[in-house]
């Protein structure tokens, strides 16, 4: 079923807004990547957190549960980073960057009206 045949316009708007949010998230994560090995810029870290938080709320509103769960997990990691309970090491930064790819794949499935089985 395509997004235009089931709640079409609203789902298409969700995909567009989520894509825009993800673009910002990816841009800010690249800024953090350029600071690799240094103390992360709190303003950039907060921007990444806000993007994940926005994506979580937006996806929940449209019952996109897999995106919501992933955004919630990313938000938890980012909150721990902001509070100094977690260090932004290579493994954490790589996982956050990889999550953008997963978000994009999930959004592409949503846009096509498809859904792969959950693992």
PDB file of N, CA and C in Angstrom:
ATOM      1  N   UNK A   1       0.862  -1.172   0.000  1.00  0.00           N
ATOM      2  CA  UNK A   1       0.000   0.000   0.000  1.00  0.00           C
ATOM      3  C   UNK A   1       0.900   1.225   0.000  1.00  0.00           C
ATOM      4  N   UNK A   2       0.665   2.160  -0.882  1.00  0.00           N
ATOM      5  CA  UNK A   2       1.506   3.352  -0.954  1.00  0.00           C
ATOM      6  C   UNK A   2       1.048   4.380   0.072  1.00  0.00           C
ATOM      7  N   UNK A   3       1.939   5.310   0.435  1.00  0.00           N
ATOM      8  CA  UNK A   3       1.560   6.311   1.428  1.00  0.00           C
ATOM      9  C   UNK A   3       0.389   7.169   0.974  1.00  0.00           C
ATOM     10  N   UNK A   4       0.202   7.287  -0.339  1.00  0.00           N
ATOM     11  CA  UNK A   4      -0.897   8.123  -0.802  1.00  0.00           C
ATOM     12  C   UNK A   4      -2.237   7.406  -0.729  1.00  0.00           C
ATOM     13  N   UNK A   5      -2.207   6.068  -0.554  1.00  0.00           N
ATOM     14  CA  UNK A   5      -3.479   5.360  -0.497  1.00  0.00           C
ATOM     15  C   UNK A   5      -3.956   5.124   0.928  1.00  0.00           C
ATOM     16  N   UNK A   6      -3.110   5.358   1.921  1.00  0.00           N
ATOM     17  CA  UNK A   6      -3.508   5.143   3.318  1.00  0.00           C
ATOM     18  C   UNK A   6      -3.061   6.330   4.156  1.00  0.00           C
ATOM     19  N   UNK A   7      -3.984   7.225   4.435  1.00  0.00           N
ATOM     20  CA  UNK A   7      -3.613   8.419   5.183  1.00  0.00           C
ATOM     21  C   UNK A   7      -2.614   9.233   4.407  1.00  0.00           C
ATOM     22  N   UNK A   8      -2.676   9.102   3.116  1.00  0.00           N
ATOM     23  CA  UNK A   8      -1.713   9.570   2.146  1.00  0.00           C
ATOM     24  C   UNK A   8      -1.023  10.871   2.418  1.00  0.00           C
ATOM     25  N   UNK A   9      -1.765  11.947   2.418  1.00  0.00           N
ATOM     26  CA  UNK A   9      -1.131  13.257   2.537  1.00  0.00           C
ATOM     27  C   UNK A   9      -0.417  13.403   3.872  1.00  0.00           C
ATOM     28  N   UNK A  10      -1.050  12.957   4.939  1.00  0.00           N
ATOM     29  CA  UNK A  10      -0.436  13.064   6.265  1.00  0.00           C
ATOM     30  C   UNK A  10       0.849  12.244   6.334  1.00  0.00           C
ATOM     31  N   UNK A  11       0.833  11.030   5.809  1.00  0.00           N
ATOM     32  CA  UNK A  11       2.024  10.188   5.857  1.00  0.00           C
ATOM     33  C   UNK A  11       3.139  10.783   4.993  1.00  0.00           C
ATOM     34  N   UNK A  12       2.779  11.332   3.854  1.00  0.00           N
ATOM     35  CA  UNK A  12       3.781  11.983   2.998  1.00  0.00           C
ATOM     36  C   UNK A  12       4.389  13.184   3.721  1.00  0.00           C
ATOM     37  N   UNK A  13       3.565  13.917   4.457  1.00  0.00           N
ATOM     38  CA  UNK A  13       4.081  15.050   5.229  1.00  0.00           C
ATOM     39  C   UNK A  13       5.006  14.568   6.348  1.00  0.00           C
ATOM     40  N   UNK A  14       4.646  13.447   6.976  1.00  0.00           N
ATOM     41  CA  UNK A  14       5.510  12.860   8.002  1.00  0.00           C
ATOM     42  C   UNK A  14       6.874  12.535   7.406  1.00  0.00           C
ATOM     43  N   UNK A  15       6.875  11.866   6.260  1.00  0.00           N
ATOM     44  CA  UNK A  15       8.135  11.473   5.623  1.00  0.00           C
ATOM     45  C   UNK A  15       8.962  12.713   5.295  1.00  0.00           C
ATOM     46  N   UNK A  16       8.319  13.747   4.766  1.00  0.00           N
ATOM     47  CA  UNK A  16       9.037  14.973   4.412  1.00  0.00           C
ATOM     48  C   UNK A  16       9.631  15.644   5.649  1.00  0.00           C
ATOM     49  N   UNK A  17       8.847  15.763   6.703  1.00  0.00           N
ATOM     50  CA  UNK A  17       9.336  16.424   7.919  1.00  0.00           C
ATOM     51  C   UNK A  17      10.413  15.591   8.608  1.00  0.00           C
ATOM     52  N   UNK A  18      10.208  14.283   8.646  1.00  0.00           N
ATOM     53  CA  UNK A  18      11.205  13.407   9.272  1.00  0.00           C
ATOM     54  C   UNK A  18      12.510  13.434   8.477  1.00  0.00           C
ATOM     55  N   UNK A  19      12.414  13.498   7.162  1.00  0.00           N
ATOM     56  CA  UNK A  19      13.610  13.575   6.318  1.00  0.00           C
ATOM     57  C   UNK A  19      14.375  14.865   6.597  1.00  0.00           C
ATOM     58  N   UNK A  20      13.650  15.959   6.737  1.00  0.00           N
ATOM     59  CA  UNK A  20      14.285  17.245   7.044  1.00  0.00           C
ATOM     60  C   UNK A  20      14.971  17.189   8.416  1.00  0.00           C
ATOM     61  N   UNK A  21      14.310  16.597   9.389  1.00  0.00           N
ATOM     62  CA  UNK A  21      14.892  16.451  10.725  1.00  0.00           C
ATOM     63  C   UNK A  21      16.146  15.590  10.667  1.00  0.00           C
ATOM     64  N   UNK A  22      16.081  14.498   9.898  1.00  0.00           N
ATOM     65  CA  UNK A  22      17.233  13.606   9.757  1.00  0.00           C
ATOM     66  C   UNK A  22      18.403  14.300   9.064  1.00  0.00           C
ATOM     67  N   UNK A  23      18.101  15.152   8.087  1.00  0.00           N
ATOM     68  CA  UNK A  23      19.168  15.902   7.418  1.00  0.00           C
ATOM     69  C   UNK A  23      19.920  16.765   8.426  1.00  0.00           C
ATOM     70  N   UNK A  24      19.180  17.445   9.296  1.00  0.00           N
ATOM     71  CA  UNK A  24      19.803  18.258  10.335  1.00  0.00           C
ATOM     72  C   UNK A  24      20.586  17.408  11.313  1.00  0.00           C
ATOM     73  N   UNK A  25      20.015  16.278  11.684  1.00  0.00           N
ATOM     74  CA  UNK A  25      20.679  15.354  12.606  1.00  0.00           C
ATOM     75  C   UNK A  25      22.001  14.877  12.004  1.00  0.00           C
ATOM     76  N   UNK A  26      21.955  14.486  10.742  1.00  0.00           N
ATOM     77  CA  UNK A  26      23.170  14.023  10.068  1.00  0.00           C
ATOM     78  C   UNK A  26      24.226  15.117   9.982  1.00  0.00           C
ATOM     79  N   UNK A  27      23.799  16.332   9.678  1.00  0.00           N
ATOM     80  CA  UNK A  27      24.723  17.473   9.593  1.00  0.00           C
ATOM     81  C   UNK A  27      25.392  17.718  10.947  1.00  0.00           C
ATOM     82  N   UNK A  28      24.604  17.699  12.014  1.00  0.00           N
ATOM     83  CA  UNK A  28      25.155  17.945  13.346  1.00  0.00           C
ATOM     84  C   UNK A  28      26.055  16.798  13.808  1.00  0.00           C
ATOM     85  N   UNK A  29      25.717  15.566  13.430  1.00  0.00           N
ATOM     86  CA  UNK A  29      26.596  14.446  13.785  1.00  0.00           C
ATOM     87  C   UNK A  29      27.931  14.547  13.049  1.00  0.00           C
ATOM     88  N   UNK A  30      27.903  15.050  11.816  1.00  0.00           N
ATOM     89  CA  UNK A  30      29.165  15.267  11.100  1.00  0.00           C
ATOM     90  C   UNK A  30      30.013  16.314  11.813  1.00  0.00           C
ATOM     91  N   UNK A  31      29.361  17.345  12.362  1.00  0.00           N
ATOM     92  CA  UNK A  31      30.094  18.354  13.129  1.00  0.00           C
ATOM     93  C   UNK A  31      30.740  17.709  14.359  1.00  0.00           C
ATOM     94  N   UNK A  32      30.018  16.805  15.018  1.00  0.00           N
ATOM     95  CA  UNK A  32      30.604  16.091  16.166  1.00  0.00           C
ATOM     96  C   UNK A  32      31.748  15.192  15.703  1.00  0.00           C
ATOM     97  N   UNK A  33      31.576  14.572  14.545  1.00  0.00           N
ATOM     98  CA  UNK A  33      32.610  13.693  14.009  1.00  0.00           C
ATOM     99  C   UNK A  33      33.894  14.474  13.748  1.00  0.00           C
ATOM    100  N   UNK A  34      33.762  15.715  13.290  1.00  0.00           N
ATOM    101  CA  UNK A  34      34.936  16.556  13.048  1.00  0.00           C
ATOM    102  C   UNK A  34      35.638  16.909  14.355  1.00  0.00           C
ATOM    103  N   UNK A  35      34.934  16.812  15.474  1.00  0.00           N
ATOM    104  CA  UNK A  35      35.516  17.098  16.793  1.00  0.00           C
ATOM    105  C   UNK A  35      35.985  15.814  17.480  1.00  0.00           C
ATOM    106  N   UNK A  36      35.998  14.720  16.742  1.00  0.00           N
ATOM    107  CA  UNK A  36      36.354  13.412  17.306  1.00  0.00           C
ATOM    108  C   UNK A  36      37.650  13.530  18.114  1.00  0.00           C
ATOM    109  N   UNK A  37      37.620  12.970  19.300  1.00  0.00           N
ATOM    110  CA  UNK A  37      38.787  13.007  20.170  1.00  0.00           C
ATOM    111  C   UNK A  37      38.853  14.240  21.059  1.00  0.00           C
ATOM    112  N   UNK A  38      37.930  15.175  20.839  1.00  0.00           N
ATOM    113  CA  UNK A  38      37.875  16.389  21.656  1.00  0.00           C
ATOM    114  C   UNK A  38      36.600  16.359  22.489  1.00  0.00           C
ATOM    115  N   UNK A  39      36.507  17.298  23.390  1.00  0.00           N
ATOM    116  CA  UNK A  39      35.258  17.456  24.153  1.00  0.00           C
ATOM    117  C   UNK A  39      34.190  17.952  23.174  1.00  0.00           C
ATOM    118  N   UNK A  40      33.035  17.282  23.108  1.00  0.00           N
ATOM    119  CA  UNK A  40      32.010  17.708  22.146  1.00  0.00           C
ATOM    120  C   UNK A  40      31.444  19.089  22.484  1.00  0.00           C
ATOM    121  N   UNK A  41      31.123  19.840  21.448  1.00  0.00           N
ATOM    122  CA  UNK A  41      30.503  21.151  21.600  1.00  0.00           C
ATOM    123  C   UNK A  41      29.104  20.952  22.180  1.00  0.00           C
ATOM    124  N   UNK A  42      28.819  21.499  23.366  1.00  0.00           N
ATOM    125  CA  UNK A  42      27.506  21.294  23.995  1.00  0.00           C
ATOM    126  C   UNK A  42      26.346  21.772  23.117  1.00  0.00           C
ATOM    127  N   UNK A  43      26.542  22.842  22.356  1.00  0.00           N
ATOM    128  CA  UNK A  43      25.467  23.346  21.495  1.00  0.00           C
ATOM    129  C   UNK A  43      25.145  22.335  20.399  1.00  0.00           C
ATOM    130  N   UNK A  44      26.167  21.717  19.837  1.00  0.00           N
ATOM    131  CA  UNK A  44      25.946  20.712  18.784  1.00  0.00           C
ATOM    132  C   UNK A  44      25.310  19.464  19.393  1.00  0.00           C
ATOM    133  N   UNK A  45      25.800  19.056  20.548  1.00  0.00           N
ATOM    134  CA  UNK A  45      25.233  17.896  21.227  1.00  0.00           C
ATOM    135  C   UNK A  45      23.755  18.127  21.547  1.00  0.00           C
ATOM    136  N   UNK A  46      23.418  19.321  22.001  1.00  0.00           N
ATOM    137  CA  UNK A  46      22.018  19.657  22.281  1.00  0.00           C
ATOM    138  C   UNK A  46      21.186  19.651  21.006  1.00  0.00           C
ATOM    139  N   UNK A  47      21.742  20.129  19.897  1.00  0.00           N
ATOM    140  CA  UNK A  47      21.018  20.129  18.626  1.00  0.00           C
ATOM    141  C   UNK A  47      20.730  18.695  18.167  1.00  0.00           C
ATOM    142  N   UNK A  48      21.705  17.809  18.337  1.00  0.00           N
ATOM    143  CA  UNK A  48      21.510  16.399  17.965  1.00  0.00           C
ATOM    144  C   UNK A  48      20.432  15.788  18.852  1.00  0.00           C
ATOM    145  N   UNK A  49      20.487  16.072  20.148  1.00  0.00           N
ATOM    146  CA  UNK A  49      19.471  15.564  21.068  1.00  0.00           C
ATOM    147  C   UNK A  49      18.080  16.053  20.664  1.00  0.00           C
ATOM    148  N   UNK A  50      17.948  17.350  20.373  1.00  0.00           N
ATOM    149  CA  UNK A  50      16.642  17.906  19.991  1.00  0.00           C
ATOM    150  C   UNK A  50      16.112  17.264  18.717  1.00  0.00           C
ATOM    151  N   UNK A  51      17.008  16.997  17.766  1.00  0.00           N
ATOM    152  CA  UNK A  51      16.582  16.345  16.524  1.00  0.00           C
ATOM    153  C   UNK A  51      16.060  14.936  16.807  1.00  0.00           C
ATOM    154  N   UNK A  52      16.772  14.187  17.640  1.00  0.00           N
ATOM    155  CA  UNK A  52      16.316  12.834  17.992  1.00  0.00           C
ATOM    156  C   UNK A  52      14.990  12.901  18.738  1.00  0.00           C
ATOM    157  N   UNK A  53      14.863  13.867  19.630  1.00  0.00           N
ATOM    158  CA  UNK A  53      13.629  14.042  20.393  1.00  0.00           C
ATOM    159  C   UNK A  53      12.464  14.388  19.458  1.00  0.00           C
ATOM    160  N   UNK A  54      12.703  15.283  18.518  1.00  0.00           N
ATOM    161  CA  UNK A  54      11.663  15.666  17.549  1.00  0.00           C
ATOM    162  C   UNK A  54      11.262  14.475  16.689  1.00  0.00           C
ATOM    163  N   UNK A  55      12.249  13.712  16.257  1.00  0.00           N
ATOM    164  CA  UNK A  55      11.970  12.541  15.433  1.00  0.00           C
ATOM    165  C   UNK A  55      11.157  11.511  16.219  1.00  0.00           C
ATOM    166  N   UNK A  56      11.475  11.365  17.493  1.00  0.00           N
ATOM    167  CA  UNK A  56      10.729  10.426  18.337  1.00  0.00           C
ATOM    168  C   UNK A  56       9.264  10.850  18.438  1.00  0.00           C
ATOM    169  N   UNK A  57       9.030  12.115  18.733  1.00  0.00           N
ATOM    170  CA  UNK A  57       7.657  12.596  18.869  1.00  0.00           C
ATOM    171  C   UNK A  57       6.880  12.529  17.567  1.00  0.00           C
ATOM    172  N   UNK A  58       7.528  12.922  16.490  1.00  0.00           N
ATOM    173  CA  UNK A  58       6.885  12.913  15.178  1.00  0.00           C
ATOM    174  C   UNK A  58       6.519  11.492  14.755  1.00  0.00           C
ATOM    175  N   UNK A  59       7.448  10.575  14.923  1.00  0.00           N
ATOM    176  CA  UNK A  59       7.187   9.191  14.510  1.00  0.00           C
ATOM    177  C   UNK A  59       6.133   8.541  15.401  1.00  0.00           C
ATOM    178  N   UNK A  60       6.110   8.878  16.677  1.00  0.00           N
ATOM    179  CA  UNK A  60       5.081   8.335  17.574  1.00  0.00           C
ATOM    180  C   UNK A  60       3.699   8.827  17.158  1.00  0.00           C
ATOM    181  N   UNK A  61       3.629  10.085  16.755  1.00  0.00           N
ATOM    182  CA  UNK A  61       2.355  10.666  16.345  1.00  0.00           C
ATOM    183  C   UNK A  61       1.785   9.929  15.118  1.00  0.00           C
ATOM    184  N   UNK A  62       2.666   9.394  14.278  1.00  0.00           N
ATOM    185  CA  UNK A  62       2.234   8.694  13.068  1.00  0.00           C
ATOM    186  C   UNK A  62       2.333   7.170  13.216  1.00  0.00           C
ATOM    187  N   UNK A  63       2.422   6.700  14.459  1.00  0.00           N
ATOM    188  CA  UNK A  63       2.487   5.270  14.763  1.00  0.00           C
ATOM    189  C   UNK A  63       3.591   4.537  13.999  1.00  0.00           C
ATOM    190  N   UNK A  64       4.730   5.192  13.843  1.00  0.00           N
ATOM    191  CA  UNK A  64       5.890   4.571  13.202  1.00  0.00           C
ATOM    192  C   UNK A  64       6.774   4.023  14.324  1.00  0.00           C
ATOM    193  N   UNK A  65       6.341   2.891  14.872  1.00  0.00           N
ATOM    194  CA  UNK A  65       6.914   2.359  16.105  1.00  0.00           C
ATOM    195  C   UNK A  65       8.406   2.050  16.027  1.00  0.00           C
ATOM    196  N   UNK A  66       8.864   1.505  14.910  1.00  0.00           N
ATOM    197  CA  UNK A  66      10.289   1.160  14.829  1.00  0.00           C
ATOM    198  C   UNK A  66      11.142   2.428  14.841  1.00  0.00           C
ATOM    199  N   UNK A  67      10.701   3.467  14.140  1.00  0.00           N
ATOM    200  CA  UNK A  67      11.431   4.730  14.147  1.00  0.00           C
ATOM    201  C   UNK A  67      11.380   5.345  15.545  1.00  0.00           C
ATOM    202  N   UNK A  68      10.216   5.260  16.184  1.00  0.00           N
ATOM    203  CA  UNK A  68      10.063   5.801  17.535  1.00  0.00           C
ATOM    204  C   UNK A  68      11.016   5.118  18.508  1.00  0.00           C
ATOM    205  N   UNK A  69      11.095   3.790  18.445  1.00  0.00           N
ATOM    206  CA  UNK A  69      11.975   3.050  19.365  1.00  0.00           C
ATOM    207  C   UNK A  69      13.443   3.406  19.132  1.00  0.00           C
ATOM    208  N   UNK A  70      13.846   3.489  17.873  1.00  0.00           N
ATOM    209  CA  UNK A  70      15.233   3.831  17.570  1.00  0.00           C
ATOM    210  C   UNK A  70      15.544   5.259  18.028  1.00  0.00           C
ATOM    211  N   UNK A  71      14.626   6.172  17.769  1.00  0.00           N
ATOM    212  CA  UNK A  71      14.832   7.560  18.198  1.00  0.00           C
ATOM    213  C   UNK A  71      14.912   7.649  19.720  1.00  0.00           C
ATOM    214  N   UNK A  72      14.096   6.857  20.410  1.00  0.00           N
ATOM    215  CA  UNK A  72      14.126   6.855  21.876  1.00  0.00           C
ATOM    216  C   UNK A  72      15.482   6.367  22.384  1.00  0.00           C
ATOM    217  N   UNK A  73      16.001   5.323  21.766  1.00  0.00           N
ATOM    218  CA  UNK A  73      17.312   4.808  22.181  1.00  0.00           C
ATOM    219  C   UNK A  73      18.413   5.831  21.904  1.00  0.00           C
ATOM    220  N   UNK A  74      18.347   6.459  20.738  1.00  0.00           N
ATOM    221  CA  UNK A  74      19.349   7.486  20.411  1.00  0.00           C
ATOM    222  C   UNK A  74      19.251   8.644  21.398  1.00  0.00           C
ATOM    223  N   UNK A  75      18.025   9.026  21.709  1.00  0.00           N
ATOM    224  CA  UNK A  75      17.799  10.124  22.652  1.00  0.00           C
ATOM    225  C   UNK A  75      18.376   9.773  24.030  1.00  0.00           C
ATOM    226  N   UNK A  76      18.214   8.536  24.476  1.00  0.00           N
ATOM    227  CA  UNK A  76      18.772   8.104  25.762  1.00  0.00           C
ATOM    228  C   UNK A  76      20.295   8.240  25.776  1.00  0.00           C
ATOM    229  N   UNK A  77      20.937   7.783  24.690  1.00  0.00           N
ATOM    230  CA  UNK A  77      22.399   7.885  24.596  1.00  0.00           C
ATOM    231  C   UNK A  77      22.817   9.351  24.610  1.00  0.00           C
ATOM    232  N   UNK A  78      22.120  10.155  23.831  1.00  0.00           N
ATOM    233  CA  UNK A  78      22.466  11.586  23.750  1.00  0.00           C
ATOM    234  C   UNK A  78      22.247  12.298  25.074  1.00  0.00           C
ATOM    235  N   UNK A  79      21.216  11.916  25.801  1.00  0.00           N
ATOM    236  CA  UNK A  79      20.975  12.526  27.106  1.00  0.00           C
ATOM    237  C   UNK A  79      22.105  12.161  28.070  1.00  0.00           C
ATOM    238  N   UNK A  80      22.545  10.916  28.031  1.00  0.00           N
ATOM    239  CA  UNK A  80      23.660  10.500  28.887  1.00  0.00           C
ATOM    240  C   UNK A  80      24.932  11.262  28.527  1.00  0.00           C
ATOM    241  N   UNK A  81      25.135  11.524  27.231  1.00  0.00           N
ATOM    242  CA  UNK A  81      26.286  12.327  26.803  1.00  0.00           C
ATOM    243  C   UNK A  81      26.183  13.749  27.339  1.00  0.00           C
ATOM    244  N   UNK A  82      24.983  14.334  27.206  1.00  0.00           N
ATOM    245  CA  UNK A  82      24.781  15.717  27.658  1.00  0.00           C
ATOM    246  C   UNK A  82      25.002  15.856  29.156  1.00  0.00           C
ATOM    247  N   UNK A  83      24.641  14.831  29.908  1.00  0.00           N
ATOM    248  CA  UNK A  83      24.765  14.872  31.367  1.00  0.00           C
ATOM    249  C   UNK A  83      26.147  14.439  31.858  1.00  0.00           C
ATOM    250  N   UNK A  84      27.030  14.074  30.922  1.00  0.00           N
ATOM    251  CA  UNK A  84      28.377  13.655  31.300  1.00  0.00           C
ATOM    252  C   UNK A  84      28.452  12.250  31.855  1.00  0.00           C
ATOM    253  N   UNK A  85      27.410  11.458  31.669  1.00  0.00           N
ATOM    254  CA  UNK A  85      27.398  10.074  32.177  1.00  0.00           C
ATOM    255  C   UNK A  85      27.975   9.090  31.167  1.00  0.00           C
ATOM    256  N   UNK A  86      28.247   9.583  29.960  1.00  0.00           N
ATOM    257  CA  UNK A  86      28.787   8.765  28.884  1.00  0.00           C
ATOM    258  C   UNK A  86      29.772   9.635  28.123  1.00  0.00           C
ATOM    259  N   UNK A  87      30.867   9.038  27.687  1.00  0.00           N
ATOM    260  CA  UNK A  87      31.880   9.754  26.922  1.00  0.00           C
ATOM    261  C   UNK A  87      31.643   9.522  25.440  1.00  0.00           C
ATOM    262  N   UNK A  88      31.836  10.555  24.652  1.00  0.00           N
ATOM    263  CA  UNK A  88      31.646  10.449  23.210  1.00  0.00           C
ATOM    264  C   UNK A  88      32.895   9.845  22.580  1.00  0.00           C
ATOM    265  N   UNK A  89      33.008   8.522  22.749  1.00  0.00           N
ATOM    266  CA  UNK A  89      34.111   7.791  22.134  1.00  0.00           C
ATOM    267  C   UNK A  89      33.758   7.401  20.711  1.00  0.00           C
ATOM    268  N   UNK A  90      34.733   6.800  20.037  1.00  0.00           N
ATOM    269  CA  UNK A  90      34.520   6.391  18.652  1.00  0.00           C
ATOM    270  C   UNK A  90      33.339   5.448  18.492  1.00  0.00           C
ATOM    271  N   UNK A  91      33.198   4.495  19.426  1.00  0.00           N
ATOM    272  CA  UNK A  91      32.112   3.517  19.310  1.00  0.00           C
ATOM    273  C   UNK A  91      30.740   4.184  19.412  1.00  0.00           C
ATOM    274  N   UNK A  92      30.600   5.133  20.326  1.00  0.00           N
ATOM    275  CA  UNK A  92      29.327   5.833  20.507  1.00  0.00           C
ATOM    276  C   UNK A  92      29.030   6.709  19.294  1.00  0.00           C
ATOM    277  N   UNK A  93      30.022   7.441  18.848  1.00  0.00           N
ATOM    278  CA  UNK A  93      29.827   8.324  17.692  1.00  0.00           C
ATOM    279  C   UNK A  93      29.509   7.511  16.434  1.00  0.00           C
ATOM    280  N   UNK A  94      30.224   6.415  16.235  1.00  0.00           N
ATOM    281  CA  UNK A  94      29.956   5.554  15.071  1.00  0.00           C
ATOM    282  C   UNK A  94      28.543   4.984  15.120  1.00  0.00           C
ATOM    283  N   UNK A  95      28.090   4.586  16.309  1.00  0.00           N
ATOM    284  CA  UNK A  95      26.730   4.047  16.451  1.00  0.00           C
ATOM    285  C   UNK A  95      25.689   5.118  16.147  1.00  0.00           C
ATOM    286  N   UNK A  96      25.918   6.336  16.600  1.00  0.00           N
ATOM    287  CA  UNK A  96      24.978   7.426  16.318  1.00  0.00           C
ATOM    288  C   UNK A  96      24.924   7.730  14.823  1.00  0.00           C
ATOM    289  N   UNK A  97      26.084   7.742  14.182  1.00  0.00           N
ATOM    290  CA  UNK A  97      26.127   7.992  12.740  1.00  0.00           C
ATOM    291  C   UNK A  97      25.425   6.858  11.988  1.00  0.00           C
ATOM    292  N   UNK A  98      25.662   5.627  12.417  1.00  0.00           N
ATOM    293  CA  UNK A  98      25.005   4.479  11.787  1.00  0.00           C
ATOM    294  C   UNK A  98      23.489   4.537  11.976  1.00  0.00           C
ATOM    295  N   UNK A  99      23.040   5.074  13.108  1.00  0.00           N
ATOM    296  CA  UNK A  99      21.597   5.160  13.344  1.00  0.00           C
ATOM    297  C   UNK A  99      20.916   6.040  12.302  1.00  0.00           C
ATOM    298  N   UNK A 100      21.630   7.045  11.776  1.00  0.00           N
ATOM    299  CA  UNK A 100      21.055   7.894  10.736  1.00  0.00           C
ATOM    300  C   UNK A 100      20.757   7.053   9.489  1.00  0.00           C
ATOM    301  N   UNK A 101      21.665   6.146   9.155  1.00  0.00           N
ATOM    302  CA  UNK A 101      21.431   5.256   8.002  1.00  0.00           C
ATOM    303  C   UNK A 101      20.203   4.387   8.229  1.00  0.00           C
ATOM    304  N   UNK A 102      20.050   3.881   9.453  1.00  0.00           N
ATOM    305  CA  UNK A 102      18.897   3.044   9.771  1.00  0.00           C
ATOM    306  C   UNK A 102      17.619   3.878   9.712  1.00  0.00           C
ATOM    307  N   UNK A 103      17.648   5.081  10.272  1.00  0.00           N
ATOM    308  CA  UNK A 103      16.485   5.976  10.178  1.00  0.00           C
ATOM    309  C   UNK A 103      16.099   6.190   8.716  1.00  0.00           C
ATOM    310  N   UNK A 104      17.096   6.458   7.876  1.00  0.00           N
ATOM    311  CA  UNK A 104      16.815   6.718   6.465  1.00  0.00           C
ATOM    312  C   UNK A 104      16.208   5.497   5.786  1.00  0.00           C
ATOM    313  N   UNK A 105      16.699   4.314   6.110  1.00  0.00           N
ATOM    314  CA  UNK A 105      16.146   3.088   5.528  1.00  0.00           C
ATOM    315  C   UNK A 105      14.696   2.878   5.981  1.00  0.00           C
ATOM    316  N   UNK A 106      14.431   3.104   7.264  1.00  0.00           N
ATOM    317  CA  UNK A 106      13.066   2.958   7.777  1.00  0.00           C
ATOM    318  C   UNK A 106      12.127   3.975   7.153  1.00  0.00           C
ATOM    319  N   UNK A 107      12.610   5.201   6.981  1.00  0.00           N
ATOM    320  CA  UNK A 107      11.790   6.235   6.342  1.00  0.00           C
ATOM    321  C   UNK A 107      11.512   5.901   4.889  1.00  0.00           C
ATOM    322  N   UNK A 108      12.503   5.352   4.198  1.00  0.00           N
ATOM    323  CA  UNK A 108      12.310   4.966   2.796  1.00  0.00           C
ATOM    324  C   UNK A 108      11.240   3.880   2.692  1.00  0.00           C
ATOM    325  N   UNK A 109      11.265   2.925   3.620  1.00  0.00           N
ATOM    326  CA  UNK A 109      10.226   1.884   3.643  1.00  0.00           C
ATOM    327  C   UNK A 109       8.855   2.508   3.878  1.00  0.00           C
ATOM    328  N   UNK A 110       8.787   3.429   4.809  1.00  0.00           N
ATOM    329  CA  UNK A 110       7.522   4.097   5.104  1.00  0.00           C
ATOM    330  C   UNK A 110       7.016   4.840   3.870  1.00  0.00           C
ATOM    331  N   UNK A 111       7.912   5.532   3.193  1.00  0.00           N
ATOM    332  CA  UNK A 111       7.546   6.295   2.001  1.00  0.00           C
ATOM    333  C   UNK A 111       6.995   5.382   0.911  1.00  0.00           C
ATOM    334  N   UNK A 112       7.546   4.164   0.834  1.00  0.00           N
ATOM    335  CA  UNK A 112       7.082   3.208  -0.180  1.00  0.00           C
ATOM    336  C   UNK A 112       5.876   2.400   0.288  1.00  0.00           C
ATOM    337  N   UNK A 113       5.520   2.569   1.573  1.00  0.00           N
ATOM    338  CA  UNK A 113       4.404   1.791   2.117  1.00  0.00           C
ATOM    339  C   UNK A 113       4.783   0.362   2.419  1.00  0.00           C
ATOM    340  N   UNK A 114       6.071   0.141   2.654  1.00  0.00           N
ATOM    341  CA  UNK A 114       6.566  -1.199   2.934  1.00  0.00           C
ATOM    342  C   UNK A 114       7.058  -1.261   4.372  1.00  0.00           C
ATOM    343  N   UNK A 115       7.282  -2.490   4.822  1.00  0.00           N
ATOM    344  CA  UNK A 115       7.882  -2.667   6.140  1.00  0.00           C
ATOM    345  C   UNK A 115       8.559  -4.022   6.174  1.00  0.00           C
ATOM    346  N   UNK A 116       9.849  -4.029   6.467  1.00  0.00           N
ATOM    347  CA  UNK A 116      10.559  -5.291   6.601  1.00  0.00           C
ATOM    348  C   UNK A 116      10.212  -5.897   7.952  1.00  0.00           C
ATOM    349  N   UNK A 117      10.311  -7.216   8.056  1.00  0.00           N
ATOM    350  CA  UNK A 117      10.009  -7.854   9.345  1.00  0.00           C
ATOM    351  C   UNK A 117      10.982  -7.393  10.415  1.00  0.00           C
ATOM    352  N   UNK A 118      10.500  -7.293  11.637  1.00  0.00           N
ATOM    353  CA  UNK A 118      11.372  -6.912  12.752  1.00  0.00           C
ATOM    354  C   UNK A 118      12.234  -8.095  13.132  1.00  0.00           C
ATOM    355  N   UNK A 119      13.440  -7.789  13.606  1.00  0.00           N
ATOM    356  CA  UNK A 119      14.357  -8.843  14.044  1.00  0.00           C
ATOM    357  C   UNK A 119      14.118  -9.178  15.479  1.00  0.00           C
TER     358      UNK A 119
END
